Amino acid sequence: MRKHESVFVPFLDLKRQYHSIKREIDAAISEVLEKGRFILGEKVEEFEKAFAKYAKAKQCISVGSGTEALHIALRAAGVGPGDEVIVPAHTFIATALAASYCGAKPVFVDAREDTYCIDPEKIEAAITAKTKAVIPVHMYGQYADMGPIMEIAEKRNIIVVEDAAQSHGAEYKGKREVLGDVACYSFYPTKNLGAYGDAGAIVTNNGEIAENSFLLRNYGEKKKYEHITKGFNSRLDELQAAILLVKLKHLDRWVEKKRQIATEYNSALSKADVIMPMEAKYGKHAYYLYVIRSKQRDRLQQHLKAKGIDTLIHYPIPIHKQKAYSEYNSQRYPVAEKAAAEVLSLPMFPELTNEEIEAVAAAVRSFKP
C-alpha cells in the first residue's frame, strides 16, 4: 500500500493525449493557418462527412457546442413556445436549457438506478397533450434503453432527440447509429472525442431536420446575405474541425482502452465498499466516465484527495433543485436525488498508467465507512 501513497493521479490529463498525437495535431493546425480560412471551410465539410459516416447517419451538421446542438435540433424539429419536452432528472443542466431556449417547458422524468439513464417505464406518465419531444441522455457513456423509448415515441407521435454528448463510441444492441429522429454530440475537450474548445454536432437521417439545422446554425442564411429564418451564430470553426478529424481516427482505440481500464477497475474494486458502474446487457459502454457510488461519498472523496487521487462529481445538484429552475424545487425524483448524493467519478482517460490504476483502486479499497 505504501508505494501508492506518493502517487498523484489526475482526474484527466489532456496533455498526455496531445503528446501522443502531437505531430498529427500540429500538422492539421498548421494546414488551416497556412490556408487562412477559418469559418465553414473544407475541414468543416470533411469532418461532417467523416462523422456522419462514423455515426452511420445521412447528415452531420456541425455547430458551436453540444448545448447548441440540442437547442438547434429541437428548433429544427419544430419545438417552440407552449410545447413540453421530457428530460431526465439526472443529467447536466444543458439538456433542460435546450428546451428552455426554445420557449418549451422541460418535464422531468426520474432515472434508472442501475444505468443512471432516463427510466422508460416512467416516461408515459409524463406525457401530456403538449408533449412534443423527449430527450434521452446516454449517461456517462452508456445508451439509454432506446427500444422501449422509441416504441412510446412512435405510439404517441413524439420527436426523439438523443443527447449523445457523453456516448461517443458506445453501442446499442451491437449497433452505433442514430436511433431517434436526431442525435446531438458535444466535442467539449473532456469528451471521448474532444476538440480544443467548444464544439458540437447534430446527426440525423431526417432531411427536413438536417436542412433546418443547416439554416439555423448560420443566421438562417440559405445563401450569402439571404436570410429566410431567424437563425443563430453557431458554427464549428476550421481549426476545431481539423483537430477533430485527427482525433476521430483514434477514437475507437481510445474507447477500447477506457473499456480495458474499466475492467481493471471492476476487478480491483470487487471487494471495495462501493457500487461499481453497470454495463447494460443491451449495449456497449464507452466509459466517458467511470462512476462509482457510496453512501459516504463526500467522506470517500476527501479520503481519496488525501491519497492524491483527483475525483469529480457528475452531478451534485439535480436540475430540479437548481436555483435556475426554482419553479421545480418542490418536485421529487428519488433516484436522481440519490445519485446526486452518492455518485463519484474516478480518474478515467486512455493514458492512465497501470501504477495509477492500482493507486486509485488501493485508495478506494482503503476507505473505511
Protein backbone atom coordinates (compact mmCIF):
# COMPACT_ATOMS: atom_id res chain seq x y z
CA MET A 1 0.00 0.00 0.00
CA ARG A 2 2.77 2.42 0.93
CA LYS A 3 4.18 2.52 -2.62
CA HIS A 4 0.98 4.23 -3.80
CA GLU A 5 0.90 6.97 -1.17
CA SER A 6 3.12 9.43 -3.07
CA VAL A 7 1.36 8.96 -6.43
CA PHE A 8 -0.80 11.86 -7.63
CA VAL A 9 -3.44 10.69 -10.10
CA PRO A 10 -5.21 13.47 -12.04
CA PHE A 11 -8.86 13.08 -12.93
CA LEU A 12 -7.94 13.83 -16.54
CA ASP A 13 -4.70 14.80 -18.30
CA LEU A 14 -5.31 16.07 -21.83
CA LYS A 15 -1.64 16.93 -22.27
CA ARG A 16 -0.80 13.22 -22.43
CA GLN A 17 -3.28 12.70 -25.24
CA TYR A 18 -1.93 15.69 -27.14
CA HIS A 19 1.67 14.49 -26.89
CA SER A 20 0.65 11.04 -28.15
CA ILE A 21 -0.64 12.56 -31.42
CA LYS A 22 1.32 15.83 -31.40
CA ARG A 23 2.71 15.59 -34.94
CA GLU A 24 -0.72 14.93 -36.45
CA ILE A 25 -2.38 17.72 -34.48
CA ASP A 26 0.33 20.27 -35.17
CA ALA A 27 0.29 19.45 -38.88
CA ALA A 28 -3.50 19.78 -39.04
CA ILE A 29 -3.47 23.16 -37.28
CA SER A 30 -0.61 24.41 -39.47
CA GLU A 31 -2.50 23.44 -42.63
CA VAL A 32 -5.50 25.55 -41.58
CA LEU A 33 -3.32 28.50 -40.65
CA GLU A 34 -1.48 28.35 -43.97
CA LYS A 35 -4.72 28.31 -45.96
CA GLY A 36 -6.15 31.22 -43.98
CA ARG A 37 -9.81 30.19 -43.97
CA PHE A 38 -11.27 29.73 -40.51
CA ILE A 39 -15.09 29.55 -40.76
CA LEU A 40 -17.16 26.95 -42.68
CA GLY A 41 -14.34 25.79 -44.91
CA GLU A 42 -13.22 22.47 -46.34
CA LYS A 43 -12.17 20.98 -42.99
CA VAL A 44 -15.66 21.51 -41.62
CA GLU A 45 -17.17 19.79 -44.65
CA GLU A 46 -14.65 16.97 -44.40
CA PHE A 47 -15.34 16.45 -40.71
CA GLU A 48 -19.12 16.49 -41.22
CA LYS A 49 -18.83 13.74 -43.82
CA ALA A 50 -16.45 11.71 -41.66
CA PHE A 51 -18.56 11.98 -38.52
CA ALA A 52 -21.79 11.21 -40.38
CA LYS A 53 -20.12 8.03 -41.59
CA TYR A 54 -18.88 7.22 -38.08
CA ALA A 55 -22.37 7.76 -36.64
CA LYS A 56 -23.97 5.89 -39.56
CA ALA A 57 -26.18 8.87 -40.37
CA LYS A 58 -27.05 10.59 -43.64
CA GLN A 59 -26.26 14.09 -42.39
CA CYS A 60 -23.98 15.74 -39.85
CA ILE A 61 -24.41 19.44 -39.09
CA SER A 62 -21.54 20.80 -37.01
CA VAL A 63 -22.29 23.58 -34.53
CA GLY A 64 -20.64 25.64 -31.81
CA SER A 65 -21.28 23.37 -28.81
CA GLY A 66 -23.20 20.35 -27.57
CA THR A 67 -25.75 22.63 -25.94
CA GLU A 68 -26.34 24.41 -29.24
CA ALA A 69 -26.66 21.04 -30.97
CA LEU A 70 -29.60 20.21 -28.68
CA HIS A 71 -31.12 23.69 -28.97
CA ILE A 72 -30.90 23.84 -32.76
CA ALA A 73 -32.06 20.24 -33.20
CA LEU A 74 -35.17 20.91 -31.11
CA ARG A 75 -35.95 24.06 -33.09
CA ALA A 76 -35.27 22.29 -36.37
CA ALA A 77 -37.77 19.61 -35.33
CA GLY A 78 -40.42 22.26 -34.64
CA VAL A 79 -40.26 22.56 -30.85
CA GLY A 80 -41.35 26.00 -29.65
CA PRO A 81 -43.28 28.03 -27.06
CA GLY A 82 -46.10 26.13 -25.38
CA ASP A 83 -44.55 22.73 -26.04
CA GLU A 84 -43.29 20.32 -23.41
CA VAL A 85 -40.05 18.36 -23.66
CA ILE A 86 -39.41 15.32 -21.47
CA VAL A 87 -35.93 15.47 -19.94
CA PRO A 88 -34.11 13.15 -17.50
CA ALA A 89 -33.97 14.42 -13.93
CA HIS A 90 -30.38 13.18 -13.72
CA THR A 91 -28.26 14.90 -16.35
CA PHE A 92 -26.22 18.03 -16.96
CA ILE A 93 -28.34 21.20 -17.00
CA ALA A 94 -27.69 21.81 -20.72
CA THR A 95 -30.29 19.18 -21.62
CA ALA A 96 -33.04 21.16 -19.91
CA LEU A 97 -31.67 24.53 -21.03
CA ALA A 98 -32.00 23.49 -24.67
CA ALA A 99 -35.74 23.06 -24.18
CA SER A 100 -35.97 26.35 -22.29
CA TYR A 101 -34.14 28.18 -25.09
CA CYS A 102 -36.95 27.11 -27.44
CA GLY A 103 -39.58 28.54 -25.09
CA ALA A 104 -40.67 25.00 -24.24
CA LYS A 105 -41.22 23.57 -20.76
CA PRO A 106 -38.88 20.83 -19.52
CA VAL A 107 -40.78 17.97 -17.88
CA PHE A 108 -38.53 15.81 -15.73
CA VAL A 109 -38.56 12.02 -15.51
CA ASP A 110 -36.56 10.06 -12.97
CA ALA A 111 -33.58 7.84 -13.77
CA ARG A 112 -32.98 4.11 -13.59
CA GLU A 113 -30.82 3.29 -10.61
CA ASP A 114 -28.62 0.82 -12.50
CA THR A 115 -27.62 2.87 -15.57
CA TYR A 116 -28.50 6.43 -14.38
CA CYS A 117 -30.29 6.94 -17.71
CA ILE A 118 -33.93 8.00 -18.04
CA ASP A 119 -36.37 5.30 -16.91
CA PRO A 120 -38.52 4.31 -19.91
CA GLU A 121 -41.21 2.93 -17.58
CA LYS A 122 -41.82 6.43 -16.19
CA ILE A 123 -41.97 8.32 -19.48
CA GLU A 124 -45.58 7.62 -20.47
CA ALA A 125 -46.96 9.05 -17.22
CA ALA A 126 -45.20 12.35 -18.01
CA ILE A 127 -46.75 12.73 -21.48
CA THR A 128 -49.49 15.31 -21.98
CA ALA A 129 -51.22 16.83 -24.99
CA LYS A 130 -48.41 19.41 -25.05
CA THR A 131 -45.55 16.91 -25.20
CA LYS A 132 -43.56 17.49 -28.40
CA ALA A 133 -40.26 15.73 -27.73
CA VAL A 134 -38.26 13.54 -25.38
CA ILE A 135 -34.50 13.80 -24.83
CA PRO A 136 -32.98 10.53 -23.62
CA VAL A 137 -29.44 11.16 -22.39
CA HIS A 138 -26.82 8.44 -22.83
CA MET A 139 -25.34 8.94 -19.39
CA TYR A 140 -21.67 8.51 -18.58
CA GLY A 141 -21.00 6.73 -21.89
CA GLN A 142 -23.91 4.26 -21.97
CA TYR A 143 -27.02 4.34 -24.14
CA ALA A 144 -30.41 4.84 -22.56
CA ASP A 145 -32.67 1.87 -23.30
CA MET A 146 -33.84 3.18 -26.66
CA GLY A 147 -36.09 0.26 -27.67
CA PRO A 148 -38.99 0.99 -25.30
CA ILE A 149 -38.40 4.75 -25.62
CA MET A 150 -38.86 4.56 -29.40
CA GLU A 151 -42.00 2.42 -29.01
CA ILE A 152 -43.57 5.05 -26.75
CA ALA A 153 -42.49 7.90 -29.04
CA GLU A 154 -43.88 6.25 -32.17
CA LYS A 155 -47.15 5.39 -30.46
CA ARG A 156 -47.59 8.92 -29.11
CA ASN A 157 -46.07 10.76 -32.12
CA ILE A 158 -43.26 12.35 -30.09
CA ILE A 159 -39.92 13.51 -31.50
CA VAL A 160 -36.85 11.75 -30.05
CA VAL A 161 -33.71 13.86 -29.70
CA GLU A 162 -30.82 11.78 -28.35
CA ASP A 163 -28.38 13.61 -26.11
CA ALA A 164 -25.23 11.71 -27.09
CA ALA A 165 -22.83 14.24 -25.56
CA GLN A 166 -21.29 11.53 -23.37
CA SER A 167 -21.54 8.44 -25.57
CA HIS A 168 -19.01 8.69 -28.41
CA GLY A 169 -18.10 5.12 -29.29
CA ALA A 170 -20.96 3.45 -27.40
CA GLU A 171 -23.29 0.88 -28.98
CA TYR A 172 -26.91 -0.22 -28.56
CA LYS A 173 -27.65 -3.87 -29.33
CA GLY A 174 -24.47 -4.15 -31.39
CA LYS A 175 -25.10 -1.00 -33.40
CA ARG A 176 -23.65 2.50 -33.33
CA GLU A 177 -26.18 4.64 -35.12
CA VAL A 178 -28.88 7.29 -34.75
CA LEU A 179 -31.88 5.58 -33.18
CA GLY A 180 -34.12 8.62 -32.67
CA ASP A 181 -35.08 11.38 -35.07
CA VAL A 182 -31.81 13.15 -34.36
CA ALA A 183 -28.75 12.73 -32.10
CA CYS A 184 -26.67 15.55 -30.64
CA TYR A 185 -22.98 15.37 -29.73
CA SER A 186 -20.68 17.55 -27.70
CA PHE A 187 -16.97 17.77 -28.51
CA TYR A 188 -16.09 19.59 -25.30
CA PRO A 189 -12.39 18.89 -24.60
CA THR A 190 -13.07 16.25 -21.91
CA LYS A 191 -15.27 14.04 -24.12
CA ASN A 192 -14.14 10.77 -25.67
CA LEU A 193 -13.89 12.80 -28.88
CA GLY A 194 -12.94 16.26 -27.72
CA ALA A 195 -11.95 19.45 -29.52
CA TYR A 196 -9.63 22.11 -28.07
CA GLY A 197 -12.58 24.35 -27.26
CA ASP A 198 -16.36 24.22 -27.51
CA ALA A 199 -17.81 22.28 -30.44
CA GLY A 200 -20.79 20.08 -31.24
CA ALA A 201 -22.72 18.28 -33.94
CA ILE A 202 -26.21 17.21 -34.95
CA VAL A 203 -26.56 13.91 -36.81
CA THR A 204 -29.79 12.76 -38.43
CA ASN A 205 -31.40 10.75 -41.20
CA ASN A 206 -34.29 13.23 -41.38
CA GLY A 207 -33.83 15.54 -44.37
CA GLU A 208 -36.11 18.29 -43.04
CA ILE A 209 -34.37 18.44 -39.66
CA ALA A 210 -30.99 18.49 -41.40
CA GLU A 211 -31.99 21.33 -43.74
CA ASN A 212 -33.45 23.37 -40.89
CA SER A 213 -30.34 22.79 -38.77
CA PHE A 214 -28.01 23.96 -41.53
CA LEU A 215 -30.05 27.17 -41.79
CA LEU A 216 -30.35 27.80 -38.07
CA ARG A 217 -26.64 27.40 -37.29
CA ASN A 218 -25.66 30.22 -39.66
CA TYR A 219 -28.05 33.16 -39.22
CA GLY A 220 -30.86 31.42 -41.11
CA GLU A 221 -28.86 32.01 -44.27
CA LYS A 222 -29.59 29.97 -47.41
CA LYS A 223 -27.06 31.88 -49.47
CA LYS A 224 -24.84 34.84 -48.72
CA TYR A 225 -26.88 37.68 -47.19
CA GLU A 226 -30.21 35.96 -47.90
CA HIS A 227 -31.84 35.01 -44.57
CA ILE A 228 -35.05 33.00 -44.67
CA THR A 229 -35.45 32.42 -40.93
CA LYS A 230 -34.16 33.92 -37.67
CA GLY A 231 -31.06 31.80 -37.11
CA PHE A 232 -28.04 31.82 -34.83
CA ASN A 233 -24.29 32.11 -34.99
CA SER A 234 -23.31 28.57 -34.00
CA ARG A 235 -20.61 27.23 -36.29
CA LEU A 236 -17.74 24.82 -35.89
CA ASP A 237 -14.55 26.59 -36.92
CA GLU A 238 -11.91 25.16 -39.23
CA LEU A 239 -9.26 24.70 -36.53
CA GLN A 240 -11.56 22.59 -34.37
CA ALA A 241 -12.73 20.60 -37.39
CA ALA A 242 -9.11 19.85 -38.33
CA ILE A 243 -8.35 18.74 -34.76
CA LEU A 244 -11.45 16.55 -34.60
CA LEU A 245 -10.59 14.90 -37.92
CA VAL A 246 -7.25 13.80 -36.48
CA LYS A 247 -8.77 12.60 -33.21
CA LEU A 248 -11.65 10.75 -34.88
CA LYS A 249 -9.13 8.28 -36.34
CA HIS A 250 -8.06 7.37 -32.79
CA LEU A 251 -11.49 7.35 -31.13
CA ASP A 252 -12.24 3.63 -31.29
CA ARG A 253 -8.79 2.79 -29.92
CA TRP A 254 -9.23 5.23 -27.06
CA VAL A 255 -12.67 3.82 -26.21
CA GLU A 256 -11.32 0.28 -26.14
CA LYS A 257 -8.52 1.41 -23.83
CA LYS A 258 -11.06 3.01 -21.50
CA ARG A 259 -13.08 -0.21 -21.51
CA GLN A 260 -9.92 -2.08 -20.57
CA ILE A 261 -9.29 0.33 -17.70
CA ALA A 262 -12.90 -0.11 -16.55
CA THR A 263 -12.40 -3.88 -16.50
CA GLU A 264 -9.27 -3.43 -14.38
CA TYR A 265 -11.13 -1.12 -12.00
CA ASN A 266 -14.00 -3.60 -11.77
CA SER A 267 -11.63 -6.39 -10.78
CA ALA A 268 -9.59 -4.30 -8.35
CA LEU A 269 -12.67 -2.84 -6.64
CA SER A 270 -14.70 -6.05 -6.42
CA LYS A 271 -14.28 -6.16 -2.63
CA ALA A 272 -14.40 -2.41 -2.00
CA ASP A 273 -17.38 -0.92 -0.19
CA VAL A 274 -18.70 0.90 -3.28
CA ILE A 275 -21.21 0.26 -6.07
CA MET A 276 -19.45 -0.01 -9.42
CA PRO A 277 -20.90 1.05 -12.79
CA MET A 278 -23.06 -1.49 -14.58
CA GLU A 279 -22.83 -2.23 -18.29
CA ALA A 280 -26.36 -2.88 -19.55
CA LYS A 281 -26.92 -6.14 -21.43
CA TYR A 282 -28.32 -4.18 -24.35
CA GLY A 283 -25.21 -2.12 -25.05
CA LYS A 284 -21.51 -1.39 -25.10
CA HIS A 285 -20.38 1.16 -22.53
CA ALA A 286 -17.91 3.76 -23.83
CA TYR A 287 -16.90 4.86 -20.30
CA TYR A 288 -16.79 8.58 -20.82
CA LEU A 289 -16.81 8.44 -17.03
CA TYR A 290 -16.21 5.66 -14.52
CA VAL A 291 -18.80 6.41 -11.84
CA ILE A 292 -18.96 4.61 -8.51
CA ARG A 293 -21.45 5.15 -5.69
CA SER A 294 -21.03 5.35 -1.94
CA LYS A 295 -23.42 6.33 0.85
CA GLN A 296 -20.39 8.09 2.33
CA ARG A 297 -19.47 9.81 -0.96
CA ASP A 298 -18.22 13.10 0.48
CA ARG A 299 -16.03 11.37 3.05
CA LEU A 300 -14.74 9.00 0.36
CA GLN A 301 -13.86 11.92 -1.91
CA GLN A 302 -11.92 13.60 0.88
CA HIS A 303 -10.15 10.32 1.66
CA LEU A 304 -9.10 9.94 -1.98
CA LYS A 305 -7.95 13.56 -2.14
CA ALA A 306 -5.70 12.93 0.87
CA LYS A 307 -4.26 9.94 -1.01
CA GLY A 308 -3.52 12.07 -4.09
CA ILE A 309 -6.47 10.85 -6.16
CA ASP A 310 -8.36 13.55 -8.09
CA THR A 311 -12.12 12.94 -8.50
CA LEU A 312 -15.24 14.81 -9.66
CA ILE A 313 -18.98 14.55 -9.02
CA HIS A 314 -21.31 14.27 -12.03
CA TYR A 315 -23.68 15.81 -10.89
CA PRO A 316 -24.04 17.06 -7.29
CA ILE A 317 -27.28 19.05 -7.65
CA PRO A 318 -30.22 17.70 -9.71
CA ILE A 319 -31.66 20.16 -12.23
CA HIS A 320 -34.98 20.41 -10.37
CA LYS A 321 -33.05 21.54 -7.29
CA GLN A 322 -31.09 24.25 -9.10
CA LYS A 323 -31.89 27.92 -8.48
CA ALA A 324 -32.20 28.42 -12.23
CA TYR A 325 -35.19 26.04 -12.17
CA SER A 326 -36.62 27.15 -8.84
CA GLU A 327 -40.18 26.53 -10.08
CA TYR A 328 -39.39 22.79 -9.90
CA ASN A 329 -37.75 22.82 -6.45
CA SER A 330 -40.71 21.16 -4.71
CA GLN A 331 -40.76 18.21 -7.12
CA ARG A 332 -39.23 14.88 -6.10
CA TYR A 333 -37.22 12.46 -8.21
CA PRO A 334 -35.83 9.94 -5.70
CA VAL A 335 -33.34 8.13 -7.94
CA ALA A 336 -31.86 11.35 -9.32
CA GLU A 337 -31.59 12.78 -5.81
CA LYS A 338 -29.95 9.61 -4.51
CA ALA A 339 -27.48 9.60 -7.38
CA ALA A 340 -26.60 13.25 -6.77
CA ALA A 341 -25.76 12.38 -3.16
CA GLU A 342 -23.77 9.22 -3.89
CA VAL A 343 -22.02 9.26 -7.29
CA LEU A 344 -18.29 9.85 -7.63
CA SER A 345 -16.26 9.80 -10.85
CA LEU A 346 -12.81 8.23 -10.65
CA PRO A 347 -9.89 9.11 -12.95
CA MET A 348 -10.64 7.72 -16.41
CA PHE A 349 -8.63 8.53 -19.53
CA PRO A 350 -6.82 6.26 -22.02
CA GLU A 351 -3.33 7.30 -20.95
CA LEU A 352 -3.72 6.20 -17.31
CA THR A 353 -0.77 4.02 -16.32
CA ASN A 354 -1.01 0.67 -14.57
CA GLU A 355 0.57 2.23 -11.49
CA GLU A 356 -2.07 4.96 -11.44
CA ILE A 357 -4.93 2.48 -11.84
CA GLU A 358 -3.54 0.43 -8.97
CA ALA A 359 -3.12 3.55 -6.83
CA VAL A 360 -6.72 4.61 -7.39
CA ALA A 361 -8.05 1.15 -6.59
CA ALA A 362 -5.86 0.83 -3.49
CA ALA A 363 -7.05 4.19 -2.20
CA VAL A 364 -10.71 3.26 -2.70
CA ARG A 365 -10.23 -0.10 -1.00
CA SER A 366 -8.54 1.54 1.97
CA PHE A 367 -11.59 3.69 2.72
CA LYS A 368 -13.46 2.57 5.83
CA PRO A 369 -17.04 3.94 6.01
